[in-house]
């Protein structure tokens, strides 16, 4: 399925920590900036972040955190702040075609001090 075109590709939105993404979505739509931490299969706490795309398109994204990410996916450094997190490096969400091939950039920016800020 093709990822939706960015509604506001230059969006900057606050990161809003929620206990569960499913508690705040509208069907398949996840509000921009909503995020939650996920634990690993082995019980390790906070191995990734699930988030609503900052552009407002409603898609769900996942960010693997160091040192828990595998070699097959990029991983981000997290400052440990659960309420107002900062991640490095930048977050790039690709535009995909119906086969899952990258065809462009959907959203690119940073999560800094609890704000998704576009580049």
PDB file of N, CA and C in Angstrom:
ATOM      1  N   UNK A   1       0.841  -1.179   0.000  1.00  0.00           N
ATOM      2  CA  UNK A   1       0.000   0.000   0.000  1.00  0.00           C
ATOM      3  C   UNK A   1       0.884   1.239   0.000  1.00  0.00           C
ATOM      4  N   UNK A   2       0.533   2.203  -0.784  1.00  0.00           N
ATOM      5  CA  UNK A   2       1.325   3.423  -0.889  1.00  0.00           C
ATOM      6  C   UNK A   2       1.131   4.299   0.337  1.00  0.00           C
ATOM      7  N   UNK A   3       2.227   4.801   0.868  1.00  0.00           N
ATOM      8  CA  UNK A   3       2.165   5.705   2.013  1.00  0.00           C
ATOM      9  C   UNK A   3       1.503   6.998   1.543  1.00  0.00           C
ATOM     10  N   UNK A   4       0.612   7.590   2.354  1.00  0.00           N
ATOM     11  CA  UNK A   4      -0.056   8.824   1.962  1.00  0.00           C
ATOM     12  C   UNK A   4       0.935   9.958   1.731  1.00  0.00           C
ATOM     13  N   UNK A   5       0.572  10.853   0.851  1.00  0.00           N
ATOM     14  CA  UNK A   5       1.364  12.059   0.625  1.00  0.00           C
ATOM     15  C   UNK A   5       1.333  12.875   1.913  1.00  0.00           C
ATOM     16  N   UNK A   6       2.448  13.477   2.255  1.00  0.00           N
ATOM     17  CA  UNK A   6       2.526  14.280   3.473  1.00  0.00           C
ATOM     18  C   UNK A   6       1.504  15.405   3.428  1.00  0.00           C
ATOM     19  N   UNK A   7       0.749  15.564   4.514  1.00  0.00           N
ATOM     20  CA  UNK A   7      -0.234  16.629   4.610  1.00  0.00           C
ATOM     21  C   UNK A   7       0.479  17.952   4.827  1.00  0.00           C
ATOM     22  N   UNK A   8       1.442  17.949   5.719  1.00  0.00           N
ATOM     23  CA  UNK A   8       2.247  19.124   6.008  1.00  0.00           C
ATOM     24  C   UNK A   8       3.682  18.665   6.199  1.00  0.00           C
ATOM     25  N   UNK A   9       4.436  18.514   5.115  1.00  0.00           N
ATOM     26  CA  UNK A   9       5.779  17.951   5.229  1.00  0.00           C
ATOM     27  C   UNK A   9       6.734  18.812   6.055  1.00  0.00           C
ATOM     28  N   UNK A  10       6.435  20.065   6.270  1.00  0.00           N
ATOM     29  CA  UNK A  10       7.299  20.939   7.066  1.00  0.00           C
ATOM     30  C   UNK A  10       6.739  21.153   8.467  1.00  0.00           C
ATOM     31  N   UNK A  11       5.933  20.196   8.918  1.00  0.00           N
ATOM     32  CA  UNK A  11       5.280  20.319  10.218  1.00  0.00           C
ATOM     33  C   UNK A  11       6.268  20.263  11.368  1.00  0.00           C
ATOM     34  N   UNK A  12       5.963  21.011  12.410  1.00  0.00           N
ATOM     35  CA  UNK A  12       6.625  20.899  13.697  1.00  0.00           C
ATOM     36  C   UNK A  12       5.509  20.737  14.717  1.00  0.00           C
ATOM     37  N   UNK A  13       5.538  19.625  15.436  1.00  0.00           N
ATOM     38  CA  UNK A  13       4.466  19.341  16.383  1.00  0.00           C
ATOM     39  C   UNK A  13       5.056  18.853  17.702  1.00  0.00           C
ATOM     40  N   UNK A  14       4.350  19.117  18.806  1.00  0.00           N
ATOM     41  CA  UNK A  14       4.834  18.598  20.082  1.00  0.00           C
ATOM     42  C   UNK A  14       4.723  17.085  20.125  1.00  0.00           C
ATOM     43  N   UNK A  15       5.670  16.450  20.789  1.00  0.00           N
ATOM     44  CA  UNK A  15       5.618  15.014  21.031  1.00  0.00           C
ATOM     45  C   UNK A  15       4.762  14.804  22.275  1.00  0.00           C
ATOM     46  N   UNK A  16       3.719  14.005  22.137  1.00  0.00           N
ATOM     47  CA  UNK A  16       2.766  13.786  23.234  1.00  0.00           C
ATOM     48  C   UNK A  16       2.858  12.331  23.665  1.00  0.00           C
ATOM     49  N   UNK A  17       3.388  12.096  24.865  1.00  0.00           N
ATOM     50  CA  UNK A  17       3.525  10.738  25.389  1.00  0.00           C
ATOM     51  C   UNK A  17       2.156  10.214  25.796  1.00  0.00           C
ATOM     52  N   UNK A  18       1.780   9.058  25.249  1.00  0.00           N
ATOM     53  CA  UNK A  18       0.529   8.399  25.603  1.00  0.00           C
ATOM     54  C   UNK A  18       0.863   6.993  26.096  1.00  0.00           C
ATOM     55  N   UNK A  19      -0.009   6.431  26.898  1.00  0.00           N
ATOM     56  CA  UNK A  19       0.268   5.105  27.438  1.00  0.00           C
ATOM     57  C   UNK A  19       0.159   4.022  26.379  1.00  0.00           C
ATOM     58  N   UNK A  20      -0.687   4.251  25.378  1.00  0.00           N
ATOM     59  CA  UNK A  20      -0.886   3.262  24.319  1.00  0.00           C
ATOM     60  C   UNK A  20      -1.392   3.981  23.084  1.00  0.00           C
ATOM     61  N   UNK A  21      -0.753   3.778  21.961  1.00  0.00           N
ATOM     62  CA  UNK A  21      -1.167   4.433  20.727  1.00  0.00           C
ATOM     63  C   UNK A  21      -2.609   4.079  20.391  1.00  0.00           C
ATOM     64  N   UNK A  22      -3.012   2.830  20.565  1.00  0.00           N
ATOM     65  CA  UNK A  22      -4.359   2.385  20.227  1.00  0.00           C
ATOM     66  C   UNK A  22      -5.460   3.070  21.015  1.00  0.00           C
ATOM     67  N   UNK A  23      -5.135   3.672  22.156  1.00  0.00           N
ATOM     68  CA  UNK A  23      -6.140   4.369  22.950  1.00  0.00           C
ATOM     69  C   UNK A  23      -6.512   5.719  22.363  1.00  0.00           C
ATOM     70  N   UNK A  24      -5.726   6.223  21.419  1.00  0.00           N
ATOM     71  CA  UNK A  24      -5.930   7.586  20.951  1.00  0.00           C
ATOM     72  C   UNK A  24      -6.063   7.694  19.439  1.00  0.00           C
ATOM     73  N   UNK A  25      -6.139   6.569  18.757  1.00  0.00           N
ATOM     74  CA  UNK A  25      -6.217   6.675  17.307  1.00  0.00           C
ATOM     75  C   UNK A  25      -7.667   6.600  16.845  1.00  0.00           C
ATOM     76  N   UNK A  26      -7.872   6.961  15.600  1.00  0.00           N
ATOM     77  CA  UNK A  26      -9.187   6.955  14.983  1.00  0.00           C
ATOM     78  C   UNK A  26      -9.115   5.987  13.811  1.00  0.00           C
ATOM     79  N   UNK A  27      -9.366   4.705  14.076  1.00  0.00           N
ATOM     80  CA  UNK A  27      -9.203   3.702  13.040  1.00  0.00           C
ATOM     81  C   UNK A  27      -7.739   3.526  12.735  1.00  0.00           C
ATOM     82  N   UNK A  28      -7.339   3.832  11.514  1.00  0.00           N
ATOM     83  CA  UNK A  28      -5.942   3.719  11.113  1.00  0.00           C
ATOM     84  C   UNK A  28      -5.175   5.033  11.282  1.00  0.00           C
ATOM     85  N   UNK A  29      -5.811   6.067  11.797  1.00  0.00           N
ATOM     86  CA  UNK A  29      -5.192   7.382  11.920  1.00  0.00           C
ATOM     87  C   UNK A  29      -4.602   7.564  13.314  1.00  0.00           C
ATOM     88  N   UNK A  30      -3.304   7.902  13.372  1.00  0.00           N
ATOM     89  CA  UNK A  30      -2.628   8.200  14.640  1.00  0.00           C
ATOM     90  C   UNK A  30      -2.320   9.695  14.634  1.00  0.00           C
ATOM     91  N   UNK A  31      -2.735  10.444  15.648  1.00  0.00           N
ATOM     92  CA  UNK A  31      -2.482  11.886  15.670  1.00  0.00           C
ATOM     93  C   UNK A  31      -0.993  12.219  15.564  1.00  0.00           C
ATOM     94  N   UNK A  32      -0.708  13.299  14.860  1.00  0.00           N
ATOM     95  CA  UNK A  32       0.670  13.753  14.681  1.00  0.00           C
ATOM     96  C   UNK A  32       1.340  13.980  16.026  1.00  0.00           C
ATOM     97  N   UNK A  33       2.524  13.391  16.202  1.00  0.00           N
ATOM     98  CA  UNK A  33       3.321  13.599  17.396  1.00  0.00           C
ATOM     99  C   UNK A  33       3.017  12.694  18.569  1.00  0.00           C
ATOM    100  N   UNK A  34       1.901  11.958  18.540  1.00  0.00           N
ATOM    101  CA  UNK A  34       1.616  11.034  19.633  1.00  0.00           C
ATOM    102  C   UNK A  34       2.656   9.925  19.602  1.00  0.00           C
ATOM    103  N   UNK A  35       3.176   9.554  20.771  1.00  0.00           N
ATOM    104  CA  UNK A  35       4.181   8.500  20.809  1.00  0.00           C
ATOM    105  C   UNK A  35       4.065   7.694  22.086  1.00  0.00           C
ATOM    106  N   UNK A  36       4.605   6.487  22.039  1.00  0.00           N
ATOM    107  CA  UNK A  36       4.685   5.619  23.204  1.00  0.00           C
ATOM    108  C   UNK A  36       5.955   4.791  23.104  1.00  0.00           C
ATOM    109  N   UNK A  37       6.459   4.360  24.240  1.00  0.00           N
ATOM    110  CA  UNK A  37       7.630   3.495  24.271  1.00  0.00           C
ATOM    111  C   UNK A  37       7.176   2.043  24.227  1.00  0.00           C
ATOM    112  N   UNK A  38       7.959   1.211  23.565  1.00  0.00           N
ATOM    113  CA  UNK A  38       7.663  -0.219  23.477  1.00  0.00           C
ATOM    114  C   UNK A  38       8.794  -1.006  24.126  1.00  0.00           C
ATOM    115  N   UNK A  39       8.423  -2.103  24.745  1.00  0.00           N
ATOM    116  CA  UNK A  39       9.398  -2.995  25.354  1.00  0.00           C
ATOM    117  C   UNK A  39       9.768  -4.105  24.387  1.00  0.00           C
ATOM    118  N   UNK A  40      10.925  -4.713  24.601  1.00  0.00           N
ATOM    119  CA  UNK A  40      11.385  -5.810  23.759  1.00  0.00           C
ATOM    120  C   UNK A  40      10.694  -7.111  24.105  1.00  0.00           C
ATOM    121  N   UNK A  41      10.811  -8.074  23.222  1.00  0.00           N
ATOM    122  CA  UNK A  41      10.213  -9.399  23.433  1.00  0.00           C
ATOM    123  C   UNK A  41      10.776 -10.073  24.682  1.00  0.00           C
ATOM    124  N   UNK A  42      12.012  -9.698  25.032  1.00  0.00           N
ATOM    125  CA  UNK A  42      12.642 -10.305  26.211  1.00  0.00           C
ATOM    126  C   UNK A  42      12.332  -9.547  27.500  1.00  0.00           C
ATOM    127  N   UNK A  43      11.458  -8.523  27.421  1.00  0.00           N
ATOM    128  CA  UNK A  43      11.094  -7.744  28.593  1.00  0.00           C
ATOM    129  C   UNK A  43      11.938  -6.502  28.810  1.00  0.00           C
ATOM    130  N   UNK A  44      12.948  -6.287  27.960  1.00  0.00           N
ATOM    131  CA  UNK A  44      13.780  -5.093  28.068  1.00  0.00           C
ATOM    132  C   UNK A  44      12.906  -3.861  27.839  1.00  0.00           C
ATOM    133  N   UNK A  45      13.006  -2.884  28.734  1.00  0.00           N
ATOM    134  CA  UNK A  45      12.187  -1.674  28.665  1.00  0.00           C
ATOM    135  C   UNK A  45      12.698  -0.700  27.611  1.00  0.00           C
ATOM    136  N   UNK A  46      11.758  -0.015  26.971  1.00  0.00           N
ATOM    137  CA  UNK A  46      12.035   1.135  26.103  1.00  0.00           C
ATOM    138  C   UNK A  46      13.033   0.833  24.981  1.00  0.00           C
ATOM    139  N   UNK A  47      12.735  -0.168  24.178  1.00  0.00           N
ATOM    140  CA  UNK A  47      13.633  -0.516  23.071  1.00  0.00           C
ATOM    141  C   UNK A  47      13.267   0.205  21.779  1.00  0.00           C
ATOM    142  N   UNK A  48      12.050   0.748  21.722  1.00  0.00           N
ATOM    143  CA  UNK A  48      11.642   1.479  20.520  1.00  0.00           C
ATOM    144  C   UNK A  48      10.530   2.458  20.874  1.00  0.00           C
ATOM    145  N   UNK A  49      10.268   3.340  19.932  1.00  0.00           N
ATOM    146  CA  UNK A  49       9.194   4.330  20.051  1.00  0.00           C
ATOM    147  C   UNK A  49       8.256   4.149  18.867  1.00  0.00           C
ATOM    148  N   UNK A  50       6.966   4.051  19.125  1.00  0.00           N
ATOM    149  CA  UNK A  50       5.945   4.112  18.090  1.00  0.00           C
ATOM    150  C   UNK A  50       5.407   5.536  18.096  1.00  0.00           C
ATOM    151  N   UNK A  51       5.176   6.100  16.896  1.00  0.00           N
ATOM    152  CA  UNK A  51       4.741   7.504  16.841  1.00  0.00           C
ATOM    153  C   UNK A  51       3.829   7.758  15.653  1.00  0.00           C
ATOM    154  N   UNK A  52       2.976   8.763  15.818  1.00  0.00           N
ATOM    155  CA  UNK A  52       2.176   9.250  14.696  1.00  0.00           C
ATOM    156  C   UNK A  52       3.040  10.152  13.850  1.00  0.00           C
ATOM    157  N   UNK A  53       2.971   9.998  12.536  1.00  0.00           N
ATOM    158  CA  UNK A  53       3.799  10.804  11.632  1.00  0.00           C
ATOM    159  C   UNK A  53       3.620  12.288  11.935  1.00  0.00           C
ATOM    160  N   UNK A  54       4.717  13.028  12.076  1.00  0.00           N
ATOM    161  CA  UNK A  54       4.636  14.448  12.405  1.00  0.00           C
ATOM    162  C   UNK A  54       3.940  15.296  11.352  1.00  0.00           C
ATOM    163  N   UNK A  55       3.807  14.814  10.132  1.00  0.00           N
ATOM    164  CA  UNK A  55       3.169  15.625   9.087  1.00  0.00           C
ATOM    165  C   UNK A  55       1.662  15.686   9.247  1.00  0.00           C
ATOM    166  N   UNK A  56       1.086  14.767  10.018  1.00  0.00           N
ATOM    167  CA  UNK A  56      -0.356  14.761  10.210  1.00  0.00           C
ATOM    168  C   UNK A  56      -1.112  13.813   9.303  1.00  0.00           C
ATOM    169  N   UNK A  57      -0.400  12.979   8.542  1.00  0.00           N
ATOM    170  CA  UNK A  57      -1.068  12.055   7.615  1.00  0.00           C
ATOM    171  C   UNK A  57      -1.740  10.888   8.336  1.00  0.00           C
ATOM    172  N   UNK A  58      -1.370  10.650   9.609  1.00  0.00           N
ATOM    173  CA  UNK A  58      -2.017   9.607  10.391  1.00  0.00           C
ATOM    174  C   UNK A  58      -1.339   8.257  10.394  1.00  0.00           C
ATOM    175  N   UNK A  59      -0.211   8.116   9.690  1.00  0.00           N
ATOM    176  CA  UNK A  59       0.470   6.827   9.668  1.00  0.00           C
ATOM    177  C   UNK A  59       1.286   6.620  10.942  1.00  0.00           C
ATOM    178  N   UNK A  60       1.498   5.356  11.264  1.00  0.00           N
ATOM    179  CA  UNK A  60       2.256   4.959  12.438  1.00  0.00           C
ATOM    180  C   UNK A  60       3.689   4.659  12.035  1.00  0.00           C
ATOM    181  N   UNK A  61       4.644   5.190  12.787  1.00  0.00           N
ATOM    182  CA  UNK A  61       6.051   4.924  12.524  1.00  0.00           C
ATOM    183  C   UNK A  61       6.705   4.284  13.733  1.00  0.00           C
ATOM    184  N   UNK A  62       7.862   3.676  13.524  1.00  0.00           N
ATOM    185  CA  UNK A  62       8.611   3.036  14.606  1.00  0.00           C
ATOM    186  C   UNK A  62      10.068   3.475  14.544  1.00  0.00           C
ATOM    187  N   UNK A  63      10.635   3.714  15.708  1.00  0.00           N
ATOM    188  CA  UNK A  63      12.029   4.136  15.834  1.00  0.00           C
ATOM    189  C   UNK A  63      12.709   3.200  16.823  1.00  0.00           C
ATOM    190  N   UNK A  64      13.743   2.492  16.370  1.00  0.00           N
ATOM    191  CA  UNK A  64      14.512   1.595  17.245  1.00  0.00           C
ATOM    192  C   UNK A  64      15.553   2.402  18.008  1.00  0.00           C
ATOM    193  N   UNK A  65      15.688   2.119  19.302  1.00  0.00           N
ATOM    194  CA  UNK A  65      16.613   2.865  20.147  1.00  0.00           C
ATOM    195  C   UNK A  65      17.865   2.056  20.444  1.00  0.00           C
ATOM    196  N   UNK A  66      19.010   2.750  20.501  1.00  0.00           N
ATOM    197  CA  UNK A  66      20.262   2.101  20.886  1.00  0.00           C
ATOM    198  C   UNK A  66      20.176   1.737  22.341  1.00  0.00           C
ATOM    199  N   UNK A  67      20.763   0.695  22.790  1.00  0.00           N
ATOM    200  CA  UNK A  67      21.575  -0.271  22.048  1.00  0.00           C
ATOM    201  C   UNK A  67      20.771  -1.470  21.565  1.00  0.00           C
ATOM    202  N   UNK A  68      19.444  -1.356  21.486  1.00  0.00           N
ATOM    203  CA  UNK A  68      18.599  -2.511  21.247  1.00  0.00           C
ATOM    204  C   UNK A  68      18.292  -2.800  19.791  1.00  0.00           C
ATOM    205  N   UNK A  69      18.490  -1.853  18.885  1.00  0.00           N
ATOM    206  CA  UNK A  69      18.168  -2.077  17.478  1.00  0.00           C
ATOM    207  C   UNK A  69      19.083  -3.103  16.846  1.00  0.00           C
ATOM    208  N   UNK A  70      18.557  -3.784  15.857  1.00  0.00           N
ATOM    209  CA  UNK A  70      19.345  -4.789  15.152  1.00  0.00           C
ATOM    210  C   UNK A  70      20.077  -4.208  13.961  1.00  0.00           C
ATOM    211  N   UNK A  71      20.863  -5.015  13.330  1.00  0.00           N
ATOM    212  CA  UNK A  71      21.639  -4.567  12.173  1.00  0.00           C
ATOM    213  C   UNK A  71      20.776  -4.282  10.954  1.00  0.00           C
ATOM    214  N   UNK A  72      19.596  -4.865  10.908  1.00  0.00           N
ATOM    215  CA  UNK A  72      18.745  -4.722   9.730  1.00  0.00           C
ATOM    216  C   UNK A  72      17.987  -3.394   9.689  1.00  0.00           C
ATOM    217  N   UNK A  73      18.008  -2.630  10.779  1.00  0.00           N
ATOM    218  CA  UNK A  73      17.269  -1.368  10.839  1.00  0.00           C
ATOM    219  C   UNK A  73      18.154  -0.274  11.416  1.00  0.00           C
ATOM    220  N   UNK A  74      17.898   0.974  11.028  1.00  0.00           N
ATOM    221  CA  UNK A  74      18.618   2.071  11.677  1.00  0.00           C
ATOM    222  C   UNK A  74      18.226   2.168  13.150  1.00  0.00           C
ATOM    223  N   UNK A  75      19.110   2.719  13.960  1.00  0.00           N
ATOM    224  CA  UNK A  75      18.827   2.925  15.376  1.00  0.00           C
ATOM    225  C   UNK A  75      19.186   4.357  15.761  1.00  0.00           C
ATOM    226  N   UNK A  76      18.507   4.864  16.791  1.00  0.00           N
ATOM    227  CA  UNK A  76      18.702   6.226  17.244  1.00  0.00           C
ATOM    228  C   UNK A  76      19.179   6.245  18.679  1.00  0.00           C
ATOM    229  N   UNK A  77      19.970   7.248  19.004  1.00  0.00           N
ATOM    230  CA  UNK A  77      20.408   7.493  20.369  1.00  0.00           C
ATOM    231  C   UNK A  77      19.325   8.312  21.058  1.00  0.00           C
ATOM    232  N   UNK A  78      18.943   7.905  22.259  1.00  0.00           N
ATOM    233  CA  UNK A  78      17.895   8.579  23.033  1.00  0.00           C
ATOM    234  C   UNK A  78      18.526   9.141  24.301  1.00  0.00           C
ATOM    235  N   UNK A  79      18.110  10.335  24.686  1.00  0.00           N
ATOM    236  CA  UNK A  79      18.688  10.986  25.870  1.00  0.00           C
ATOM    237  C   UNK A  79      18.129  10.471  27.196  1.00  0.00           C
ATOM    238  N   UNK A  80      17.150   9.559  27.174  1.00  0.00           N
ATOM    239  CA  UNK A  80      16.597   8.982  28.391  1.00  0.00           C
ATOM    240  C   UNK A  80      15.419   9.751  28.970  1.00  0.00           C
ATOM    241  N   UNK A  81      15.089  10.894  28.410  1.00  0.00           N
ATOM    242  CA  UNK A  81      13.974  11.693  28.897  1.00  0.00           C
ATOM    243  C   UNK A  81      12.677  11.160  28.287  1.00  0.00           C
ATOM    244  N   UNK A  82      11.809  10.600  29.109  1.00  0.00           N
ATOM    245  CA  UNK A  82      10.552  10.013  28.617  1.00  0.00           C
ATOM    246  C   UNK A  82       9.516  11.073  28.259  1.00  0.00           C
ATOM    247  N   UNK A  83       9.469  12.174  28.964  1.00  0.00           N
ATOM    248  CA  UNK A  83       8.441  13.199  28.737  1.00  0.00           C
ATOM    249  C   UNK A  83       8.762  14.119  27.561  1.00  0.00           C
ATOM    250  N   UNK A  84      10.027  14.508  27.427  1.00  0.00           N
ATOM    251  CA  UNK A  84      10.469  15.415  26.358  1.00  0.00           C
ATOM    252  C   UNK A  84      11.722  14.846  25.703  1.00  0.00           C
ATOM    253  N   UNK A  85      11.592  13.743  24.971  1.00  0.00           N
ATOM    254  CA  UNK A  85      12.782  13.057  24.451  1.00  0.00           C
ATOM    255  C   UNK A  85      13.507  13.832  23.354  1.00  0.00           C
ATOM    256  N   UNK A  86      14.800  13.522  23.269  1.00  0.00           N
ATOM    257  CA  UNK A  86      15.639  13.973  22.165  1.00  0.00           C
ATOM    258  C   UNK A  86      16.284  12.737  21.570  1.00  0.00           C
ATOM    259  N   UNK A  87      16.196  12.619  20.240  1.00  0.00           N
ATOM    260  CA  UNK A  87      16.810  11.507  19.514  1.00  0.00           C
ATOM    261  C   UNK A  87      17.817  12.051  18.526  1.00  0.00           C
ATOM    262  N   UNK A  88      18.878  11.300  18.299  1.00  0.00           N
ATOM    263  CA  UNK A  88      19.838  11.622  17.247  1.00  0.00           C
ATOM    264  C   UNK A  88      20.170  10.329  16.523  1.00  0.00           C
ATOM    265  N   UNK A  89      20.394  10.353  15.248  1.00  0.00           N
ATOM    266  CA  UNK A  89      20.382  11.502  14.343  1.00  0.00           C
ATOM    267  C   UNK A  89      18.948  11.883  13.951  1.00  0.00           C
ATOM    268  N   UNK A  90      18.816  12.582  12.831  1.00  0.00           N
ATOM    269  CA  UNK A  90      17.504  12.988  12.340  1.00  0.00           C
ATOM    270  C   UNK A  90      16.661  11.771  11.954  1.00  0.00           C
ATOM    271  N   UNK A  91      15.369  12.007  11.820  1.00  0.00           N
ATOM    272  CA  UNK A  91      14.403  10.970  11.443  1.00  0.00           C
ATOM    273  C   UNK A  91      13.980  11.230  10.000  1.00  0.00           C
ATOM    274  N   UNK A  92      14.160  10.239   9.148  1.00  0.00           N
ATOM    275  CA  UNK A  92      13.742  10.349   7.749  1.00  0.00           C
ATOM    276  C   UNK A  92      12.679   9.295   7.483  1.00  0.00           C
ATOM    277  N   UNK A  93      11.503   9.760   7.097  1.00  0.00           N
ATOM    278  CA  UNK A  93      10.411   8.862   6.732  1.00  0.00           C
ATOM    279  C   UNK A  93      10.298   8.905   5.218  1.00  0.00           C
ATOM    280  N   UNK A  94      10.461   7.745   4.586  1.00  0.00           N
ATOM    281  CA  UNK A  94      10.449   7.684   3.127  1.00  0.00           C
ATOM    282  C   UNK A  94       9.041   7.607   2.558  1.00  0.00           C
ATOM    283  N   UNK A  95       8.888   8.124   1.348  1.00  0.00           N
ATOM    284  CA  UNK A  95       7.675   7.930   0.558  1.00  0.00           C
ATOM    285  C   UNK A  95       7.875   6.601  -0.170  1.00  0.00           C
ATOM    286  N   UNK A  96       6.905   5.704  -0.061  1.00  0.00           N
ATOM    287  CA  UNK A  96       7.011   4.381  -0.668  1.00  0.00           C
ATOM    288  C   UNK A  96       5.956   4.187  -1.745  1.00  0.00           C
ATOM    289  N   UNK A  97       6.288   3.376  -2.752  1.00  0.00           N
ATOM    290  CA  UNK A  97       5.283   3.033  -3.752  1.00  0.00           C
ATOM    291  C   UNK A  97       4.518   1.795  -3.293  1.00  0.00           C
ATOM    292  N   UNK A  98       3.612   1.311  -4.115  1.00  0.00           N
ATOM    293  CA  UNK A  98       2.763   0.176  -3.736  1.00  0.00           C
ATOM    294  C   UNK A  98       3.542  -1.114  -3.518  1.00  0.00           C
ATOM    295  N   UNK A  99       4.765  -1.217  -4.034  1.00  0.00           N
ATOM    296  CA  UNK A  99       5.606  -2.398  -3.812  1.00  0.00           C
ATOM    297  C   UNK A  99       6.534  -2.254  -2.616  1.00  0.00           C
ATOM    298  N   UNK A 100       6.506  -1.078  -1.978  1.00  0.00           N
ATOM    299  CA  UNK A 100       7.374  -0.846  -0.836  1.00  0.00           C
ATOM    300  C   UNK A 100       8.729  -0.274  -1.210  1.00  0.00           C
ATOM    301  N   UNK A 101       8.903   0.117  -2.466  1.00  0.00           N
ATOM    302  CA  UNK A 101      10.162   0.727  -2.906  1.00  0.00           C
ATOM    303  C   UNK A 101      10.164   2.214  -2.579  1.00  0.00           C
ATOM    304  N   UNK A 102      11.318   2.719  -2.177  1.00  0.00           N
ATOM    305  CA  UNK A 102      11.449   4.137  -1.842  1.00  0.00           C
ATOM    306  C   UNK A 102      11.359   4.965  -3.111  1.00  0.00           C
ATOM    307  N   UNK A 103      10.461   5.964  -3.093  1.00  0.00           N
ATOM    308  CA  UNK A 103      10.316   6.845  -4.251  1.00  0.00           C
ATOM    309  C   UNK A 103      10.553   8.310  -3.894  1.00  0.00           C
ATOM    310  N   UNK A 104      10.814   8.594  -2.626  1.00  0.00           N
ATOM    311  CA  UNK A 104      11.064   9.972  -2.227  1.00  0.00           C
ATOM    312  C   UNK A 104      11.045  10.132  -0.720  1.00  0.00           C
ATOM    313  N   UNK A 105      11.045  11.388  -0.322  1.00  0.00           N
ATOM    314  CA  UNK A 105      11.039  11.743   1.093  1.00  0.00           C
ATOM    315  C   UNK A 105       9.627  12.129   1.510  1.00  0.00           C
ATOM    316  N   UNK A 106       9.162  11.553   2.621  1.00  0.00           N
ATOM    317  CA  UNK A 106       7.826  11.864   3.145  1.00  0.00           C
ATOM    318  C   UNK A 106       7.925  12.961   4.203  1.00  0.00           C
ATOM    319  N   UNK A 107       8.773  12.755   5.221  1.00  0.00           N
ATOM    320  CA  UNK A 107       9.020  13.753   6.270  1.00  0.00           C
ATOM    321  C   UNK A 107      10.436  13.560   6.761  1.00  0.00           C
ATOM    322  N   UNK A 108      11.116  14.671   7.043  1.00  0.00           N
ATOM    323  CA  UNK A 108      12.481  14.608   7.556  1.00  0.00           C
ATOM    324  C   UNK A 108      12.627  15.669   8.634  1.00  0.00           C
ATOM    325  N   UNK A 109      13.131  15.258   9.793  1.00  0.00           N
ATOM    326  CA  UNK A 109      13.316  16.216  10.867  1.00  0.00           C
ATOM    327  C   UNK A 109      13.933  15.574  12.094  1.00  0.00           C
ATOM    328  N   UNK A 110      13.801  16.259  13.203  1.00  0.00           N
ATOM    329  CA  UNK A 110      14.405  15.844  14.468  1.00  0.00           C
ATOM    330  C   UNK A 110      13.334  15.754  15.553  1.00  0.00           C
ATOM    331  N   UNK A 111      13.582  14.922  16.545  1.00  0.00           N
ATOM    332  CA  UNK A 111      12.820  14.935  17.786  1.00  0.00           C
ATOM    333  C   UNK A 111      13.760  15.498  18.829  1.00  0.00           C
ATOM    334  N   UNK A 112      13.516  16.750  19.220  1.00  0.00           N
ATOM    335  CA  UNK A 112      14.395  17.459  20.136  1.00  0.00           C
ATOM    336  C   UNK A 112      13.584  18.106  21.254  1.00  0.00           C
ATOM    337  N   UNK A 113      13.937  17.796  22.486  1.00  0.00           N
ATOM    338  CA  UNK A 113      13.255  18.354  23.657  1.00  0.00           C
ATOM    339  C   UNK A 113      11.739  18.238  23.552  1.00  0.00           C
ATOM    340  N   UNK A 114      11.277  17.091  23.070  1.00  0.00           N
ATOM    341  CA  UNK A 114       9.851  16.825  23.014  1.00  0.00           C
ATOM    342  C   UNK A 114       9.103  17.492  21.873  1.00  0.00           C
ATOM    343  N   UNK A 115       9.798  17.888  20.830  1.00  0.00           N
ATOM    344  CA  UNK A 115       9.155  18.494  19.655  1.00  0.00           C
ATOM    345  C   UNK A 115       9.689  17.823  18.400  1.00  0.00           C
ATOM    346  N   UNK A 116       8.776  17.347  17.534  1.00  0.00           N
ATOM    347  CA  UNK A 116       9.152  16.883  16.205  1.00  0.00           C
ATOM    348  C   UNK A 116       9.295  18.140  15.342  1.00  0.00           C
ATOM    349  N   UNK A 117      10.534  18.464  14.963  1.00  0.00           N
ATOM    350  CA  UNK A 117      10.838  19.684  14.198  1.00  0.00           C
ATOM    351  C   UNK A 117      11.343  19.290  12.819  1.00  0.00           C
ATOM    352  N   UNK A 118      10.629  19.723  11.771  1.00  0.00           N
ATOM    353  CA  UNK A 118      11.058  19.365  10.416  1.00  0.00           C
ATOM    354  C   UNK A 118      12.310  20.145  10.022  1.00  0.00           C
ATOM    355  N   UNK A 119      13.035  19.567   9.062  1.00  0.00           N
ATOM    356  CA  UNK A 119      14.249  20.222   8.543  1.00  0.00           C
ATOM    357  C   UNK A 119      13.856  21.309   7.564  1.00  0.00           C
TER     358      UNK A 119
END
